[in-house]
Amino acid sequence: MSKNLSQSRIDRQNILNNNEALPAIRQHIGLQGMAFEDDYWFTVAQTADFFEVDKRTIQRYLVSFEEELTHNGYTVLKGEKLRQFKQMFGDMIYADLDSDDSQSDIDVTLSEKNR
């Protein structure tokens, strides 16, 4: 029986709870991420690039599925954590930011933490 991950929150959660599957999937699809605080993090722009969609599409999904994504580790870096993240990855992520200088935080997805 085939699983439809786009329709079943339970099936998505089962994969996220599988500690052996996630590293294998990440390696198979070549998903790099940025190692920060003992896990892999991704910007909205990196996520949009991976799925070949506009960043606005990712932003809409973040709003529409906020509860599930937050439960699975999505967070917005702010304050000291953001400063540390920028120190480590600023040269990689500044191209991902909008030209709007008023942006004070960076949306990142957290791949495996807090599950």
PDB file of N, CA and C in Angstrom:
ATOM      1  N   MET A   1       0.830  -1.176   0.000  1.00  0.00           N
ATOM      2  CA  MET A   1       0.000   0.000   0.000  1.00  0.00           C
ATOM      3  C   MET A   1       0.883   1.251   0.000  1.00  0.00           C
ATOM      4  N   SER A   2       0.639   2.148  -0.898  1.00  0.00           N
ATOM      5  CA  SER A   2       1.413   3.363  -1.069  1.00  0.00           C
ATOM      6  C   SER A   2       0.989   4.427  -0.059  1.00  0.00           C
ATOM      7  N   LYS A   3       1.966   5.161   0.453  1.00  0.00           N
ATOM      8  CA  LYS A   3       1.698   6.249   1.395  1.00  0.00           C
ATOM      9  C   LYS A   3       1.634   7.566   0.633  1.00  0.00           C
ATOM     10  N   ASN A   4       0.678   8.399   0.952  1.00  0.00           N
ATOM     11  CA  ASN A   4       0.553   9.700   0.334  1.00  0.00           C
ATOM     12  C   ASN A   4       0.948  10.752   1.368  1.00  0.00           C
ATOM     13  N   LEU A   5       2.215  11.152   1.336  1.00  0.00           N
ATOM     14  CA  LEU A   5       2.732  12.071   2.343  1.00  0.00           C
ATOM     15  C   LEU A   5       2.117  13.458   2.246  1.00  0.00           C
ATOM     16  N   SER A   6       1.622  13.819   1.078  1.00  0.00           N
ATOM     17  CA  SER A   6       1.013  15.140   0.952  1.00  0.00           C
ATOM     18  C   SER A   6      -0.381  15.191   1.574  1.00  0.00           C
ATOM     19  N   GLN A   7      -0.970  14.040   1.835  1.00  0.00           N
ATOM     20  CA  GLN A   7      -2.325  14.008   2.379  1.00  0.00           C
ATOM     21  C   GLN A   7      -2.403  13.526   3.826  1.00  0.00           C
ATOM     22  N   SER A   8      -1.375  12.837   4.299  1.00  0.00           N
ATOM     23  CA  SER A   8      -1.465  12.223   5.616  1.00  0.00           C
ATOM     24  C   SER A   8      -0.428  12.782   6.587  1.00  0.00           C
ATOM     25  N   ARG A   9      -0.904  13.515   7.574  1.00  0.00           N
ATOM     26  CA  ARG A   9      -0.017  14.046   8.612  1.00  0.00           C
ATOM     27  C   ARG A   9       0.618  12.897   9.398  1.00  0.00           C
ATOM     28  N   ILE A  10      -0.111  11.833   9.626  1.00  0.00           N
ATOM     29  CA  ILE A  10       0.408  10.668  10.363  1.00  0.00           C
ATOM     30  C   ILE A  10       1.557  10.025   9.605  1.00  0.00           C
ATOM     31  N   ASP A  11       1.401   9.846   8.290  1.00  0.00           N
ATOM     32  CA  ASP A  11       2.483   9.253   7.495  1.00  0.00           C
ATOM     33  C   ASP A  11       3.716  10.149   7.489  1.00  0.00           C
ATOM     34  N   ARG A  12       3.522  11.473   7.406  1.00  0.00           N
ATOM     35  CA  ARG A  12       4.661  12.401   7.469  1.00  0.00           C
ATOM     36  C   ARG A  12       5.354  12.288   8.822  1.00  0.00           C
ATOM     37  N   GLN A  13       4.563  12.225   9.900  1.00  0.00           N
ATOM     38  CA  GLN A  13       5.138  12.140  11.236  1.00  0.00           C
ATOM     39  C   GLN A  13       5.899  10.840  11.425  1.00  0.00           C
ATOM     40  N   ASN A  14       5.391   9.752  10.866  1.00  0.00           N
ATOM     41  CA  ASN A  14       6.079   8.461  10.981  1.00  0.00           C
ATOM     42  C   ASN A  14       7.468   8.513  10.354  1.00  0.00           C
ATOM     43  N   ILE A  15       7.603   9.193   9.237  1.00  0.00           N
ATOM     44  CA  ILE A  15       8.928   9.324   8.612  1.00  0.00           C
ATOM     45  C   ILE A  15       9.822  10.196   9.469  1.00  0.00           C
ATOM     46  N   LEU A  16       9.294  11.304   9.971  1.00  0.00           N
ATOM     47  CA  LEU A  16      10.097  12.207  10.792  1.00  0.00           C
ATOM     48  C   LEU A  16      10.545  11.556  12.098  1.00  0.00           C
ATOM     49  N   ASN A  17       9.792  10.590  12.581  1.00  0.00           N
ATOM     50  CA  ASN A  17      10.150   9.890  13.809  1.00  0.00           C
ATOM     51  C   ASN A  17      11.140   8.758  13.571  1.00  0.00           C
ATOM     52  N   ASN A  18      11.453   8.466  12.321  1.00  0.00           N
ATOM     53  CA  ASN A  18      12.361   7.372  11.979  1.00  0.00           C
ATOM     54  C   ASN A  18      13.790   7.912  11.894  1.00  0.00           C
ATOM     55  N   ASN A  19      14.567   7.698  12.954  1.00  0.00           N
ATOM     56  CA  ASN A  19      15.926   8.236  13.032  1.00  0.00           C
ATOM     57  C   ASN A  19      16.885   7.613  12.029  1.00  0.00           C
ATOM     58  N   GLU A  20      16.561   6.465  11.488  1.00  0.00           N
ATOM     59  CA  GLU A  20      17.409   5.852  10.466  1.00  0.00           C
ATOM     60  C   GLU A  20      17.052   6.361   9.083  1.00  0.00           C
ATOM     61  N   ALA A  21      15.792   6.645   8.840  1.00  0.00           N
ATOM     62  CA  ALA A  21      15.344   7.076   7.514  1.00  0.00           C
ATOM     63  C   ALA A  21      15.813   8.486   7.177  1.00  0.00           C
ATOM     64  N   LEU A  22      15.757   9.404   8.133  1.00  0.00           N
ATOM     65  CA  LEU A  22      16.079  10.797   7.828  1.00  0.00           C
ATOM     66  C   LEU A  22      17.492  10.991   7.293  1.00  0.00           C
ATOM     67  N   PRO A  23      18.535  10.453   7.951  1.00  0.00           N
ATOM     68  CA  PRO A  23      19.876  10.624   7.382  1.00  0.00           C
ATOM     69  C   PRO A  23      20.021   9.955   6.008  1.00  0.00           C
ATOM     70  N   ALA A  24      19.381   8.816   5.820  1.00  0.00           N
ATOM     71  CA  ALA A  24      19.453   8.129   4.528  1.00  0.00           C
ATOM     72  C   ALA A  24      18.772   8.950   3.440  1.00  0.00           C
ATOM     73  N   ILE A  25      17.627   9.521   3.762  1.00  0.00           N
ATOM     74  CA  ILE A  25      16.909  10.359   2.793  1.00  0.00           C
ATOM     75  C   ILE A  25      17.737  11.599   2.478  1.00  0.00           C
ATOM     76  N   ARG A  26      18.266  12.246   3.513  1.00  0.00           N
ATOM     77  CA  ARG A  26      19.072  13.452   3.325  1.00  0.00           C
ATOM     78  C   ARG A  26      20.271  13.154   2.427  1.00  0.00           C
ATOM     79  N   GLN A  27      20.939  12.042   2.650  1.00  0.00           N
ATOM     80  CA  GLN A  27      22.100  11.676   1.839  1.00  0.00           C
ATOM     81  C   GLN A  27      21.676  11.341   0.405  1.00  0.00           C
ATOM     82  N   HIS A  28      20.599  10.606   0.259  1.00  0.00           N
ATOM     83  CA  HIS A  28      20.135  10.186  -1.068  1.00  0.00           C
ATOM     84  C   HIS A  28      19.771  11.378  -1.956  1.00  0.00           C
ATOM     85  N   ILE A  29      19.127  12.376  -1.378  1.00  0.00           N
ATOM     86  CA  ILE A  29      18.711  13.522  -2.188  1.00  0.00           C
ATOM     87  C   ILE A  29      19.749  14.643  -2.186  1.00  0.00           C
ATOM     88  N   GLY A  30      20.834  14.458  -1.439  1.00  0.00           N
ATOM     89  CA  GLY A  30      21.913  15.440  -1.435  1.00  0.00           C
ATOM     90  C   GLY A  30      21.583  16.707  -0.681  1.00  0.00           C
ATOM     91  N   LEU A  31      20.794  16.593   0.361  1.00  0.00           N
ATOM     92  CA  LEU A  31      20.388  17.747   1.159  1.00  0.00           C
ATOM     93  C   LEU A  31      21.477  18.052   2.173  1.00  0.00           C
ATOM     94  N   GLN A  32      22.122  19.211   2.024  1.00  0.00           N
ATOM     95  CA  GLN A  32      23.267  19.564   2.860  1.00  0.00           C
ATOM     96  C   GLN A  32      22.866  20.224   4.167  1.00  0.00           C
ATOM     97  N   GLY A  33      22.280  21.374   4.098  1.00  0.00           N
ATOM     98  CA  GLY A  33      21.944  22.116   5.305  1.00  0.00           C
ATOM     99  C   GLY A  33      23.168  22.751   5.930  1.00  0.00           C
ATOM    100  N   MET A  34      22.934  23.467   7.018  1.00  0.00           N
ATOM    101  CA  MET A  34      24.003  24.123   7.757  1.00  0.00           C
ATOM    102  C   MET A  34      24.001  23.550   9.167  1.00  0.00           C
ATOM    103  N   ALA A  35      25.104  22.927   9.558  1.00  0.00           N
ATOM    104  CA  ALA A  35      25.201  22.317  10.880  1.00  0.00           C
ATOM    105  C   ALA A  35      25.296  23.419  11.933  1.00  0.00           C
ATOM    106  N   PHE A  36      24.282  23.483  12.793  1.00  0.00           N
ATOM    107  CA  PHE A  36      24.206  24.507  13.833  1.00  0.00           C
ATOM    108  C   PHE A  36      23.482  23.893  15.019  1.00  0.00           C
ATOM    109  N   GLU A  37      24.062  24.041  16.208  1.00  0.00           N
ATOM    110  CA  GLU A  37      23.475  23.488  17.430  1.00  0.00           C
ATOM    111  C   GLU A  37      23.125  22.006  17.280  1.00  0.00           C
ATOM    112  N   ASP A  38      24.071  21.236  16.789  1.00  0.00           N
ATOM    113  CA  ASP A  38      23.941  19.774  16.686  1.00  0.00           C
ATOM    114  C   ASP A  38      22.819  19.313  15.760  1.00  0.00           C
ATOM    115  N   ASP A  39      22.506  20.109  14.753  1.00  0.00           N
ATOM    116  CA  ASP A  39      21.494  19.695  13.792  1.00  0.00           C
ATOM    117  C   ASP A  39      21.708  20.420  12.479  1.00  0.00           C
ATOM    118  N   TYR A  40      20.866  20.139  11.495  1.00  0.00           N
ATOM    119  CA  TYR A  40      20.943  20.761  10.179  1.00  0.00           C
ATOM    120  C   TYR A  40      19.811  21.769  10.026  1.00  0.00           C
ATOM    121  N   TRP A  41      20.153  22.959   9.567  1.00  0.00           N
ATOM    122  CA  TRP A  41      19.200  24.049   9.433  1.00  0.00           C
ATOM    123  C   TRP A  41      19.163  24.498   7.978  1.00  0.00           C
ATOM    124  N   PHE A  42      18.006  25.065   7.560  1.00  0.00           N
ATOM    125  CA  PHE A  42      17.816  25.518   6.184  1.00  0.00           C
ATOM    126  C   PHE A  42      17.058  26.833   6.194  1.00  0.00           C
ATOM    127  N   THR A  43      17.447  27.750   5.312  1.00  0.00           N
ATOM    128  CA  THR A  43      16.703  28.997   5.184  1.00  0.00           C
ATOM    129  C   THR A  43      15.479  28.763   4.310  1.00  0.00           C
ATOM    130  N   VAL A  44      14.568  29.707   4.345  1.00  0.00           N
ATOM    131  CA  VAL A  44      13.395  29.649   3.472  1.00  0.00           C
ATOM    132  C   VAL A  44      13.858  29.617   2.015  1.00  0.00           C
ATOM    133  N   ALA A  45      14.848  30.429   1.683  1.00  0.00           N
ATOM    134  CA  ALA A  45      15.346  30.465   0.305  1.00  0.00           C
ATOM    135  C   ALA A  45      15.937  29.116  -0.104  1.00  0.00           C
ATOM    136  N   GLN A  46      16.680  28.472   0.780  1.00  0.00           N
ATOM    137  CA  GLN A  46      17.227  27.154   0.458  1.00  0.00           C
ATOM    138  C   GLN A  46      16.110  26.141   0.246  1.00  0.00           C
ATOM    139  N   THR A  47      15.080  26.219   1.071  1.00  0.00           N
ATOM    140  CA  THR A  47      13.947  25.312   0.948  1.00  0.00           C
ATOM    141  C   THR A  47      13.229  25.555  -0.373  1.00  0.00           C
ATOM    142  N   ALA A  48      13.028  26.812  -0.719  1.00  0.00           N
ATOM    143  CA  ALA A  48      12.376  27.146  -1.994  1.00  0.00           C
ATOM    144  C   ALA A  48      13.209  26.645  -3.174  1.00  0.00           C
ATOM    145  N   ASP A  49      14.508  26.820  -3.103  1.00  0.00           N
ATOM    146  CA  ASP A  49      15.376  26.325  -4.170  1.00  0.00           C
ATOM    147  C   ASP A  49      15.279  24.809  -4.301  1.00  0.00           C
ATOM    148  N   PHE A  50      15.275  24.122  -3.183  1.00  0.00           N
ATOM    149  CA  PHE A  50      15.203  22.663  -3.207  1.00  0.00           C
ATOM    150  C   PHE A  50      13.920  22.188  -3.896  1.00  0.00           C
ATOM    151  N   PHE A  51      12.799  22.816  -3.544  1.00  0.00           N
ATOM    152  CA  PHE A  51      11.510  22.402  -4.110  1.00  0.00           C
ATOM    153  C   PHE A  51      11.199  23.099  -5.439  1.00  0.00           C
ATOM    154  N   GLU A  52      12.109  23.974  -5.871  1.00  0.00           N
ATOM    155  CA  GLU A  52      11.955  24.704  -7.129  1.00  0.00           C
ATOM    156  C   GLU A  52      10.652  25.486  -7.168  1.00  0.00           C
ATOM    157  N   VAL A  53      10.426  26.236  -6.083  1.00  0.00           N
ATOM    158  CA  VAL A  53       9.259  27.115  -5.973  1.00  0.00           C
ATOM    159  C   VAL A  53       9.738  28.483  -5.514  1.00  0.00           C
ATOM    160  N   ASP A  54       8.862  29.451  -5.602  1.00  0.00           N
ATOM    161  CA  ASP A  54       9.161  30.793  -5.129  1.00  0.00           C
ATOM    162  C   ASP A  54       9.168  30.808  -3.593  1.00  0.00           C
ATOM    163  N   LYS A  55       9.957  31.698  -3.003  1.00  0.00           N
ATOM    164  CA  LYS A  55       9.997  31.818  -1.539  1.00  0.00           C
ATOM    165  C   LYS A  55       8.618  32.130  -0.969  1.00  0.00           C
ATOM    166  N   ARG A  56       7.795  32.833  -1.731  1.00  0.00           N
ATOM    167  CA  ARG A  56       6.449  33.155  -1.254  1.00  0.00           C
ATOM    168  C   ARG A  56       5.611  31.889  -1.062  1.00  0.00           C
ATOM    169  N   THR A  57       5.854  30.879  -1.876  1.00  0.00           N
ATOM    170  CA  THR A  57       5.143  29.611  -1.717  1.00  0.00           C
ATOM    171  C   THR A  57       5.503  28.984  -0.375  1.00  0.00           C
ATOM    172  N   ILE A  58       6.779  28.993  -0.040  1.00  0.00           N
ATOM    173  CA  ILE A  58       7.220  28.453   1.248  1.00  0.00           C
ATOM    174  C   ILE A  58       6.600  29.266   2.380  1.00  0.00           C
ATOM    175  N   GLN A  59       6.576  30.582   2.253  1.00  0.00           N
ATOM    176  CA  GLN A  59       5.988  31.437   3.286  1.00  0.00           C
ATOM    177  C   GLN A  59       4.501  31.111   3.482  1.00  0.00           C
ATOM    178  N   ARG A  60       3.774  30.873   2.383  1.00  0.00           N
ATOM    179  CA  ARG A  60       2.347  30.518   2.500  1.00  0.00           C
ATOM    180  C   ARG A  60       2.186  29.189   3.235  1.00  0.00           C
ATOM    181  N   TYR A  61       3.049  28.220   2.921  1.00  0.00           N
ATOM    182  CA  TYR A  61       2.974  26.929   3.618  1.00  0.00           C
ATOM    183  C   TYR A  61       3.306  27.091   5.097  1.00  0.00           C
ATOM    184  N   LEU A  62       4.241  27.961   5.411  1.00  0.00           N
ATOM    185  CA  LEU A  62       4.591  28.198   6.811  1.00  0.00           C
ATOM    186  C   LEU A  62       3.401  28.744   7.585  1.00  0.00           C
ATOM    187  N   VAL A  63       2.614  29.579   6.955  1.00  0.00           N
ATOM    188  CA  VAL A  63       1.420  30.122   7.598  1.00  0.00           C
ATOM    189  C   VAL A  63       0.330  29.052   7.678  1.00  0.00           C
ATOM    190  N   SER A  64       0.097  28.365   6.572  1.00  0.00           N
ATOM    191  CA  SER A  64      -0.995  27.384   6.499  1.00  0.00           C
ATOM    192  C   SER A  64      -0.772  26.178   7.409  1.00  0.00           C
ATOM    193  N   PHE A  65       0.476  25.766   7.569  1.00  0.00           N
ATOM    194  CA  PHE A  65       0.775  24.547   8.324  1.00  0.00           C
ATOM    195  C   PHE A  65       1.676  24.833   9.526  1.00  0.00           C
ATOM    196  N   GLU A  66       1.512  26.024  10.089  1.00  0.00           N
ATOM    197  CA  GLU A  66       2.383  26.477  11.179  1.00  0.00           C
ATOM    198  C   GLU A  66       2.423  25.497  12.350  1.00  0.00           C
ATOM    199  N   GLU A  67       1.277  24.995  12.779  1.00  0.00           N
ATOM    200  CA  GLU A  67       1.246  24.108  13.941  1.00  0.00           C
ATOM    201  C   GLU A  67       2.071  22.839  13.697  1.00  0.00           C
ATOM    202  N   GLU A  68       1.852  22.184  12.578  1.00  0.00           N
ATOM    203  CA  GLU A  68       2.587  20.952  12.279  1.00  0.00           C
ATOM    204  C   GLU A  68       4.078  21.232  12.101  1.00  0.00           C
ATOM    205  N   LEU A  69       4.417  22.290  11.382  1.00  0.00           N
ATOM    206  CA  LEU A  69       5.822  22.605  11.143  1.00  0.00           C
ATOM    207  C   LEU A  69       6.547  22.978  12.437  1.00  0.00           C
ATOM    208  N   THR A  70       5.901  23.759  13.290  1.00  0.00           N
ATOM    209  CA  THR A  70       6.498  24.122  14.582  1.00  0.00           C
ATOM    210  C   THR A  70       6.687  22.877  15.443  1.00  0.00           C
ATOM    211  N   HIS A  71       5.700  21.998  15.436  1.00  0.00           N
ATOM    212  CA  HIS A  71       5.804  20.742  16.183  1.00  0.00           C
ATOM    213  C   HIS A  71       7.013  19.931  15.713  1.00  0.00           C
ATOM    214  N   ASN A  72       7.325  20.032  14.436  1.00  0.00           N
ATOM    215  CA  ASN A  72       8.417  19.254  13.856  1.00  0.00           C
ATOM    216  C   ASN A  72       9.731  20.025  13.788  1.00  0.00           C
ATOM    217  N   GLY A  73       9.807  21.182  14.455  1.00  0.00           N
ATOM    218  CA  GLY A  73      11.080  21.847  14.607  1.00  0.00           C
ATOM    219  C   GLY A  73      11.268  23.153  13.887  1.00  0.00           C
ATOM    220  N   TYR A  74      10.288  23.629  13.125  1.00  0.00           N
ATOM    221  CA  TYR A  74      10.452  24.914  12.453  1.00  0.00           C
ATOM    222  C   TYR A  74      10.562  26.014  13.501  1.00  0.00           C
ATOM    223  N   THR A  75      11.483  26.928  13.263  1.00  0.00           N
ATOM    224  CA  THR A  75      11.648  28.055  14.167  1.00  0.00           C
ATOM    225  C   THR A  75      12.214  29.243  13.409  1.00  0.00           C
ATOM    226  N   VAL A  76      12.046  30.413  13.957  1.00  0.00           N
ATOM    227  CA  VAL A  76      12.645  31.635  13.428  1.00  0.00           C
ATOM    228  C   VAL A  76      13.746  32.026  14.393  1.00  0.00           C
ATOM    229  N   LEU A  77      14.958  32.126  13.889  1.00  0.00           N
ATOM    230  CA  LEU A  77      16.068  32.521  14.744  1.00  0.00           C
ATOM    231  C   LEU A  77      15.987  34.006  15.041  1.00  0.00           C
ATOM    232  N   LYS A  78      16.209  34.351  16.304  1.00  0.00           N
ATOM    233  CA  LYS A  78      16.203  35.741  16.755  1.00  0.00           C
ATOM    234  C   LYS A  78      17.277  35.911  17.822  1.00  0.00           C
ATOM    235  N   GLY A  79      17.618  37.144  18.076  1.00  0.00           N
ATOM    236  CA  GLY A  79      18.521  37.461  19.172  1.00  0.00           C
ATOM    237  C   GLY A  79      19.890  36.820  19.055  1.00  0.00           C
ATOM    238  N   GLU A  80      20.363  36.280  20.166  1.00  0.00           N
ATOM    239  CA  GLU A  80      21.708  35.702  20.243  1.00  0.00           C
ATOM    240  C   GLU A  80      21.883  34.523  19.286  1.00  0.00           C
ATOM    241  N   LYS A  81      20.885  33.668  19.173  1.00  0.00           N
ATOM    242  CA  LYS A  81      20.995  32.528  18.245  1.00  0.00           C
ATOM    243  C   LYS A  81      21.150  33.015  16.808  1.00  0.00           C
ATOM    244  N   LEU A  82      20.409  34.055  16.448  1.00  0.00           N
ATOM    245  CA  LEU A  82      20.529  34.615  15.102  1.00  0.00           C
ATOM    246  C   LEU A  82      21.923  35.189  14.887  1.00  0.00           C
ATOM    247  N   ARG A  83      22.434  35.899  15.874  1.00  0.00           N
ATOM    248  CA  ARG A  83      23.782  36.471  15.767  1.00  0.00           C
ATOM    249  C   ARG A  83      24.817  35.378  15.547  1.00  0.00           C
ATOM    250  N   GLN A  84      24.731  34.293  16.320  1.00  0.00           N
ATOM    251  CA  GLN A  84      25.664  33.178  16.167  1.00  0.00           C
ATOM    252  C   GLN A  84      25.531  32.524  14.792  1.00  0.00           C
ATOM    253  N   PHE A  85      24.289  32.349  14.361  1.00  0.00           N
ATOM    254  CA  PHE A  85      24.039  31.737  13.055  1.00  0.00           C
ATOM    255  C   PHE A  85      24.636  32.600  11.937  1.00  0.00           C
ATOM    256  N   LYS A  86      24.428  33.916  12.029  1.00  0.00           N
ATOM    257  CA  LYS A  86      24.974  34.825  11.028  1.00  0.00           C
ATOM    258  C   LYS A  86      26.500  34.812  11.023  1.00  0.00           C
ATOM    259  N   GLN A  87      27.100  34.702  12.211  1.00  0.00           N
ATOM    260  CA  GLN A  87      28.561  34.640  12.281  1.00  0.00           C
ATOM    261  C   GLN A  87      29.077  33.402  11.560  1.00  0.00           C
ATOM    262  N   MET A  88      28.384  32.301  11.731  1.00  0.00           N
ATOM    263  CA  MET A  88      28.830  31.049  11.124  1.00  0.00           C
ATOM    264  C   MET A  88      28.523  30.963   9.634  1.00  0.00           C
ATOM    265  N   PHE A  89      27.361  31.461   9.225  1.00  0.00           N
ATOM    266  CA  PHE A  89      26.884  31.214   7.866  1.00  0.00           C
ATOM    267  C   PHE A  89      26.529  32.467   7.084  1.00  0.00           C
ATOM    268  N   GLY A  90      26.881  33.637   7.609  1.00  0.00           N
ATOM    269  CA  GLY A  90      26.504  34.888   6.963  1.00  0.00           C
ATOM    270  C   GLY A  90      26.894  34.956   5.503  1.00  0.00           C
ATOM    271  N   ASP A  91      28.095  34.486   5.177  1.00  0.00           N
ATOM    272  CA  ASP A  91      28.528  34.553   3.785  1.00  0.00           C
ATOM    273  C   ASP A  91      27.676  33.662   2.881  1.00  0.00           C
ATOM    274  N   MET A  92      27.038  32.633   3.442  1.00  0.00           N
ATOM    275  CA  MET A  92      26.189  31.736   2.660  1.00  0.00           C
ATOM    276  C   MET A  92      24.753  32.234   2.575  1.00  0.00           C
ATOM    277  N   ILE A  93      24.270  32.905   3.611  1.00  0.00           N
ATOM    278  CA  ILE A  93      22.843  33.207   3.678  1.00  0.00           C
ATOM    279  C   ILE A  93      22.476  34.606   3.240  1.00  0.00           C
ATOM    280  N   TYR A  94      23.409  35.538   3.204  1.00  0.00           N
ATOM    281  CA  TYR A  94      23.019  36.898   2.852  1.00  0.00           C
ATOM    282  C   TYR A  94      22.441  36.978   1.451  1.00  0.00           C
ATOM    283  N   ALA A  95      22.848  36.122   0.566  1.00  0.00           N
ATOM    284  CA  ALA A  95      22.262  36.095  -0.774  1.00  0.00           C
ATOM    285  C   ALA A  95      20.813  35.622  -0.711  1.00  0.00           C
ATOM    286  N   ASP A  96      20.446  34.880   0.351  1.00  0.00           N
ATOM    287  CA  ASP A  96      19.092  34.375   0.503  1.00  0.00           C
ATOM    288  C   ASP A  96      18.119  35.423   1.015  1.00  0.00           C
ATOM    289  N   LEU A  97      18.634  36.467   1.639  1.00  0.00           N
ATOM    290  CA  LEU A  97      17.771  37.470   2.250  1.00  0.00           C
ATOM    291  C   LEU A  97      17.226  38.429   1.201  1.00  0.00           C
ATOM    292  N   ASP A  98      16.040  38.915   1.444  1.00  0.00           N
ATOM    293  CA  ASP A  98      15.477  39.941   0.576  1.00  0.00           C
ATOM    294  C   ASP A  98      16.333  41.192   0.677  1.00  0.00           C
ATOM    295  N   SER A  99      16.259  42.055  -0.305  1.00  0.00           N
ATOM    296  CA  SER A  99      17.032  43.295  -0.272  1.00  0.00           C
ATOM    297  C   SER A  99      16.519  44.252   0.797  1.00  0.00           C
ATOM    298  N   ASP A 100      15.384  43.935   1.396  1.00  0.00           N
ATOM    299  CA  ASP A 100      14.800  44.759   2.449  1.00  0.00           C
ATOM    300  C   ASP A 100      15.673  44.676   3.702  1.00  0.00           C
ATOM    301  N   ASP A 101      16.375  45.760   4.027  1.00  0.00           N
ATOM    302  CA  ASP A 101      17.283  45.767   5.173  1.00  0.00           C
ATOM    303  C   ASP A 101      16.568  45.734   6.506  1.00  0.00           C
ATOM    304  N   SER A 102      15.243  45.867   6.503  1.00  0.00           N
ATOM    305  CA  SER A 102      14.509  45.878   7.764  1.00  0.00           C
ATOM    306  C   SER A 102      14.314  44.482   8.330  1.00  0.00           C
ATOM    307  N   GLN A 103      14.646  43.450   7.567  1.00  0.00           N
ATOM    308  CA  GLN A 103      14.460  42.083   8.064  1.00  0.00           C
ATOM    309  C   GLN A 103      15.406  41.858   9.236  1.00  0.00           C
ATOM    310  N   SER A 104      14.853  41.496  10.381  1.00  0.00           N
ATOM    311  CA  SER A 104      15.685  41.362  11.576  1.00  0.00           C
ATOM    312  C   SER A 104      15.840  39.919  12.028  1.00  0.00           C
ATOM    313  N   ASP A 105      15.188  38.999  11.335  1.00  0.00           N
ATOM    314  CA  ASP A 105      15.365  37.604  11.691  1.00  0.00           C
ATOM    315  C   ASP A 105      15.370  36.770  10.421  1.00  0.00           C
ATOM    316  N   ILE A 106      15.780  35.521  10.549  1.00  0.00           N
ATOM    317  CA  ILE A 106      15.903  34.627   9.410  1.00  0.00           C
ATOM    318  C   ILE A 106      15.064  33.400   9.691  1.00  0.00           C
ATOM    319  N   ASP A 107      14.177  33.057   8.770  1.00  0.00           N
ATOM    320  CA  ASP A 107      13.386  31.848   8.908  1.00  0.00           C
ATOM    321  C   ASP A 107      14.252  30.653   8.550  1.00  0.00           C
ATOM    322  N   VAL A 108      14.304  29.690   9.436  1.00  0.00           N
ATOM    323  CA  VAL A 108      15.032  28.461   9.136  1.00  0.00           C
ATOM    324  C   VAL A 108      14.188  27.274   9.541  1.00  0.00           C
ATOM    325  N   THR A 109      14.374  26.201   8.839  1.00  0.00           N
ATOM    326  CA  THR A 109      13.714  24.977   9.225  1.00  0.00           C
ATOM    327  C   THR A 109      14.736  24.106   9.921  1.00  0.00           C
ATOM    328  N   LEU A 110      14.302  23.399  10.885  1.00  0.00           N
ATOM    329  CA  LEU A 110      15.165  22.542  11.670  1.00  0.00           C
ATOM    330  C   LEU A 110      14.804  21.116  11.333  1.00  0.00           C
ATOM    331  N   SER A 111      15.745  20.349  10.815  1.00  0.00           N
ATOM    332  CA  SER A 111      15.418  19.072  10.225  1.00  0.00           C
ATOM    333  C   SER A 111      15.067  17.959  11.210  1.00  0.00           C
ATOM    334  N   GLU A 112      15.796  17.822  12.298  1.00  0.00           N
ATOM    335  CA  GLU A 112      15.587  16.637  13.126  1.00  0.00           C
ATOM    336  C   GLU A 112      15.411  16.912  14.605  1.00  0.00           C
ATOM    337  N   LYS A 113      15.627  18.116  15.035  1.00  0.00           N
ATOM    338  CA  LYS A 113      15.574  18.425  16.462  1.00  0.00           C
ATOM    339  C   LYS A 113      14.134  18.551  16.950  1.00  0.00           C
ATOM    340  N   ASN A 114      13.910  18.330  18.209  1.00  0.00           N
ATOM    341  CA  ASN A 114      12.605  18.530  18.858  1.00  0.00           C
ATOM    342  C   ASN A 114      11.504  17.629  18.328  1.00  0.00           C
ATOM    343  N   ARG A 115      11.821  16.443  17.946  1.00  0.00           N
ATOM    344  CA  ARG A 115      10.783  15.496  17.498  1.00  0.00           C
ATOM    345  C   ARG A 115      10.604  14.436  18.530  1.00  0.00           C
TER     346      ARG A 115
END
